Amino acid sequence: MCLGLGLAAPVVTGGGAAAAGTAAATAAATAATTAVTTAATASSFLGLGAAAKPFLLGAALNLGTGFFATLQQRKLIFDQARGIYRSSLQMIRNAEKAKADQEKAILALQKERDASKKQKIMTTKIQGLQLQGAIRASERSGNTIALLLQDIDNQTSNLVEGIEQERDSLLSQTQRDIDGARATRDNRYNLAKDQITKATNSVNNAPSLFGSILKSVGQSAGTYATLRAA
């Protein structure tokens, strides 16, 4: 499962090959325990004499305890990894939805403000034309009237230009707000991706069942060497 986000689920299901490996390791541990307990009937096994039986029973107990402790540890790691993966994917979905909702709200506000600015431009132009029409209706002429008409035209143009600049500023602010929403989404995405990576690494580094058997065998070999030297 990747949700089209380039994130592959960590293999933590314990199925398939993993289940086969667990079954094989369990069988191996059971066989080893049976073998050492059977061999314990020989009091002179490995030249330990009367100490052979306690040694073999201790080795079997150590093997079984280590094996099942490792099994529980692996289960805990896998369960945690599955939980982290599910919560991380939910975090990504929530971040994507939050970004989309924010963009929708930002664009709706921009549309409303821009409509208000356009209305203001239209009102300014109409007022300018009305002033010019009132002067012309006076049927006066001359340089003074011409200057008044030009001044009204200049003032109207300046007001319209100022409102247009306000519209440009609103557009720039809208883009910054959208970029901010996307940056927040990306930060949450990266956090979720890091969590998934850590969970996957913990699964990959989980102690192996075969390793626990080797560890128990090594400990028993050390005990055997000590008994032989005594």
Protein backbone atom coordinates (compact mmCIF):
# COMPACT_ATOMS: atom_id res chain seq x y z
CA MET A 1 0.00 0.00 0.00
CA CYS A 2 1.46 3.37 -0.98
CA LEU A 3 -1.54 5.71 -1.64
CA GLY A 4 0.33 7.09 -4.62
CA LEU A 5 2.72 8.89 -2.27
CA GLY A 6 5.85 6.88 -2.97
CA LEU A 7 5.71 5.21 0.48
CA ALA A 8 5.86 1.44 0.62
CA ALA A 9 4.50 -0.36 3.64
CA PRO A 10 7.15 -2.04 5.80
CA VAL A 11 6.96 -5.84 5.73
CA VAL A 12 5.66 -6.38 9.23
CA THR A 13 2.77 -8.76 8.61
CA GLY A 14 4.69 -11.86 9.60
CA GLY A 15 3.11 -13.74 6.71
CA GLY A 16 4.57 -15.80 3.87
CA ALA A 17 8.31 -16.32 4.16
CA ALA A 18 8.41 -14.72 7.61
CA ALA A 19 5.81 -17.20 8.90
CA ALA A 20 7.74 -20.08 7.35
CA GLY A 21 10.94 -18.84 8.98
CA THR A 22 9.23 -18.62 12.38
CA ALA A 23 7.81 -22.11 12.01
CA ALA A 24 11.21 -23.48 11.02
CA ALA A 25 12.92 -21.75 13.92
CA THR A 26 10.25 -23.03 16.34
CA ALA A 27 10.71 -26.55 15.04
CA ALA A 28 14.47 -26.21 15.38
CA ALA A 29 14.17 -24.98 18.97
CA THR A 30 11.77 -27.79 19.86
CA ALA A 31 14.03 -30.37 18.26
CA ALA A 32 17.07 -28.99 20.05
CA THR A 33 15.26 -29.01 23.41
CA THR A 34 14.12 -32.60 22.86
CA ALA A 35 17.61 -33.66 21.87
CA VAL A 36 19.33 -32.20 24.90
CA THR A 37 16.73 -33.54 27.35
CA THR A 38 17.05 -37.00 25.78
CA ALA A 39 20.79 -36.83 25.98
CA ALA A 40 20.51 -35.92 29.64
CA THR A 41 19.76 -39.55 30.43
CA ALA A 42 23.40 -40.37 29.80
CA SER A 43 25.21 -39.37 32.99
CA SER A 44 28.58 -39.33 31.29
CA PHE A 45 27.51 -37.17 28.33
CA LEU A 46 30.41 -35.10 27.03
CA GLY A 47 32.53 -36.31 29.89
CA LEU A 48 30.71 -34.24 32.54
CA GLY A 49 29.71 -37.20 34.62
CA ALA A 50 27.04 -36.38 37.20
CA ALA A 51 27.01 -32.73 36.03
CA ALA A 52 25.80 -33.71 32.58
CA LYS A 53 22.11 -33.88 33.42
CA PRO A 54 21.92 -30.47 35.19
CA PHE A 55 23.99 -28.94 32.41
CA LEU A 56 21.73 -30.24 29.65
CA LEU A 57 18.55 -29.30 31.50
CA GLY A 58 19.94 -25.80 32.08
CA ALA A 59 20.92 -25.54 28.41
CA ALA A 60 17.42 -26.61 27.34
CA LEU A 61 15.79 -24.10 29.68
CA ASN A 62 18.10 -21.31 28.48
CA LEU A 63 17.38 -22.18 24.87
CA GLY A 64 13.60 -22.19 25.34
CA THR A 65 13.59 -19.01 27.43
CA GLY A 66 15.75 -17.11 24.95
CA PHE A 67 13.72 -18.32 21.99
CA PHE A 68 10.33 -17.29 23.35
CA ALA A 69 11.69 -13.99 24.73
CA THR A 70 12.94 -13.17 21.22
CA LEU A 71 9.58 -14.20 19.78
CA GLN A 72 7.76 -11.77 22.09
CA GLN A 73 10.23 -9.00 21.32
CA ARG A 74 9.74 -9.44 17.59
CA LYS A 75 5.95 -9.39 18.02
CA LEU A 76 6.18 -6.14 19.98
CA ILE A 77 8.40 -4.52 17.34
CA PHE A 78 6.13 -5.62 14.49
CA ASP A 79 2.96 -4.45 16.27
CA GLN A 80 4.53 -1.05 16.95
CA ALA A 81 5.66 -0.75 13.33
CA ARG A 82 2.17 -1.53 12.03
CA GLY A 83 0.67 1.08 14.36
CA ILE A 84 3.20 3.72 13.29
CA TYR A 85 2.61 2.98 9.62
CA ARG A 86 -1.18 3.30 9.95
CA SER A 87 -0.95 6.53 11.97
CA SER A 88 1.60 7.97 9.54
CA LEU A 89 -0.62 7.32 6.54
CA GLN A 90 -3.52 8.94 8.39
CA MET A 91 -1.28 11.94 9.12
CA ILE A 92 -0.54 12.24 5.40
CA ARG A 93 -4.24 12.04 4.49
CA ASN A 94 -5.13 14.64 7.13
CA ALA A 95 -2.34 16.96 5.94
CA GLU A 96 -3.52 16.67 2.33
CA LYS A 97 -7.13 17.42 3.31
CA ALA A 98 -6.10 20.36 5.51
CA LYS A 99 -4.06 21.82 2.64
CA ALA A 100 -6.98 21.47 0.23
CA ASP A 101 -9.40 23.07 2.71
CA GLN A 102 -7.02 25.97 3.35
CA GLU A 103 -6.50 26.58 -0.35
CA LYS A 104 -10.25 26.58 -0.92
CA ALA A 105 -10.80 29.11 1.88
CA ILE A 106 -7.92 31.30 0.70
CA LEU A 107 -9.17 31.39 -2.89
CA ALA A 108 -12.75 32.10 -1.78
CA LEU A 109 -11.56 35.05 0.32
CA GLN A 110 -9.41 36.29 -2.57
CA LYS A 111 -12.39 36.14 -4.93
CA GLU A 112 -14.55 38.10 -2.50
CA ARG A 113 -11.91 40.78 -1.92
CA ASP A 114 -11.13 41.08 -5.61
CA ALA A 115 -14.81 41.52 -6.42
CA SER A 116 -14.93 44.32 -3.84
CA LYS A 117 -11.92 46.02 -5.42
CA LYS A 118 -13.45 45.77 -8.89
CA GLN A 119 -16.64 47.34 -7.60
CA LYS A 120 -14.59 50.12 -6.03
CA ILE A 121 -12.84 50.78 -9.35
CA MET A 122 -16.17 50.99 -11.15
CA THR A 123 -17.57 53.36 -8.51
CA THR A 124 -14.50 55.61 -8.76
CA LYS A 125 -14.75 55.82 -12.53
CA ILE A 126 -18.47 56.60 -12.39
CA GLN A 127 -17.88 59.33 -9.83
CA GLY A 128 -15.18 60.85 -12.05
CA LEU A 129 -17.47 60.83 -15.05
CA GLN A 130 -20.27 62.39 -13.02
CA LEU A 131 -18.00 65.22 -11.88
CA GLN A 132 -16.86 65.84 -15.43
CA GLY A 133 -20.46 65.71 -16.65
CA ALA A 134 -21.52 68.27 -14.02
CA ILE A 135 -18.78 70.67 -15.11
CA ARG A 136 -19.63 70.27 -18.78
CA ALA A 137 -23.32 70.80 -18.00
CA SER A 138 -22.51 74.24 -16.64
CA GLU A 139 -21.77 75.19 -20.26
CA ARG A 140 -18.72 77.06 -19.18
CA SER A 141 -15.52 77.06 -21.14
CA GLY A 142 -12.00 78.29 -20.89
CA ASN A 143 -8.68 77.17 -19.44
CA THR A 144 -10.03 76.90 -15.90
CA ILE A 145 -12.73 74.45 -16.92
CA ALA A 146 -10.25 72.46 -19.02
CA LEU A 147 -7.88 72.26 -16.05
CA LEU A 148 -10.69 71.10 -13.78
CA LEU A 149 -11.69 68.39 -16.20
CA GLN A 150 -8.06 67.25 -16.53
CA ASP A 151 -7.61 67.26 -12.77
CA ILE A 152 -10.70 65.11 -12.29
CA ASP A 153 -9.43 62.71 -14.93
CA ASN A 154 -5.99 62.53 -13.26
CA GLN A 155 -7.46 61.97 -9.80
CA THR A 156 -9.75 59.25 -11.12
CA SER A 157 -6.84 57.52 -12.87
CA ASN A 158 -4.68 57.72 -9.73
CA LEU A 159 -7.44 56.26 -7.58
CA VAL A 160 -8.02 53.44 -10.05
CA GLU A 161 -4.29 52.71 -10.24
CA GLY A 162 -4.09 52.60 -6.43
CA ILE A 163 -6.94 50.11 -6.29
CA GLU A 164 -5.30 47.99 -8.99
CA GLN A 165 -2.13 47.91 -6.89
CA GLU A 166 -4.21 46.75 -3.95
CA ARG A 167 -5.56 43.94 -6.13
CA ASP A 168 -2.02 42.93 -7.07
CA SER A 169 -1.05 42.91 -3.38
CA LEU A 170 -4.02 40.71 -2.58
CA LEU A 171 -3.00 38.29 -5.32
CA SER A 172 0.55 38.16 -3.95
CA GLN A 173 -0.74 37.56 -0.43
CA THR A 174 -3.03 34.83 -1.71
CA GLN A 175 -0.08 33.06 -3.33
CA ARG A 176 1.96 33.37 -0.13
CA ASP A 177 -0.92 31.89 1.87
CA ILE A 178 -1.23 29.00 -0.56
CA ASP A 179 2.52 28.40 -0.46
CA GLY A 180 2.33 28.39 3.34
CA ALA A 181 -0.47 25.81 3.31
CA ARG A 182 1.55 23.60 0.97
CA ALA A 183 4.69 23.99 3.09
CA THR A 184 2.75 22.88 6.17
CA ARG A 185 1.45 19.88 4.23
CA ASP A 186 4.98 18.99 3.09
CA ASN A 187 6.36 19.25 6.64
CA ARG A 188 3.70 16.87 7.93
CA TYR A 189 4.33 14.55 4.99
CA ASN A 190 8.07 14.47 5.71
CA LEU A 191 7.44 13.81 9.40
CA ALA A 192 5.18 10.88 8.53
CA LYS A 193 7.75 9.57 6.05
CA ASP A 194 10.49 9.74 8.69
CA GLN A 195 8.29 7.82 11.12
CA ILE A 196 7.66 5.12 8.52
CA THR A 197 11.38 4.88 7.75
CA LYS A 198 12.23 4.47 11.45
CA ALA A 199 9.53 1.83 11.87
CA THR A 200 10.83 -0.05 8.84
CA ASN A 201 14.38 0.08 10.18
CA SER A 202 13.23 -1.27 13.55
CA VAL A 203 11.60 -4.21 11.75
CA ASN A 204 14.70 -4.86 9.67
CA ASN A 205 16.88 -4.76 12.80
CA ALA A 206 14.60 -6.93 14.93
CA PRO A 207 16.46 -9.81 16.64
CA SER A 208 16.18 -13.05 14.69
CA LEU A 209 14.95 -16.32 16.13
CA PHE A 210 17.93 -18.14 14.69
CA GLY A 211 20.19 -15.59 16.38
CA SER A 212 18.60 -16.33 19.76
CA ILE A 213 19.32 -20.03 19.27
CA LEU A 214 22.96 -19.31 18.41
CA LYS A 215 23.26 -17.09 21.47
CA SER A 216 21.90 -19.83 23.74
CA VAL A 217 24.24 -22.38 22.19
CA GLY A 218 27.18 -20.03 22.75
CA GLN A 219 26.25 -19.54 26.40
CA SER A 220 25.92 -23.28 26.90
CA ALA A 221 29.27 -23.83 25.24
CA GLY A 222 30.83 -21.40 27.71
CA THR A 223 29.22 -23.22 30.64
CA TYR A 224 30.39 -26.55 29.29
CA ALA A 225 33.96 -25.29 28.99
CA THR A 226 33.86 -24.08 32.61
CA LEU A 227 32.52 -27.45 33.83
CA ARG A 228 35.12 -29.37 31.87
CA ALA A 229 37.90 -27.25 33.31
CA ALA A 230 36.68 -27.78 36.90
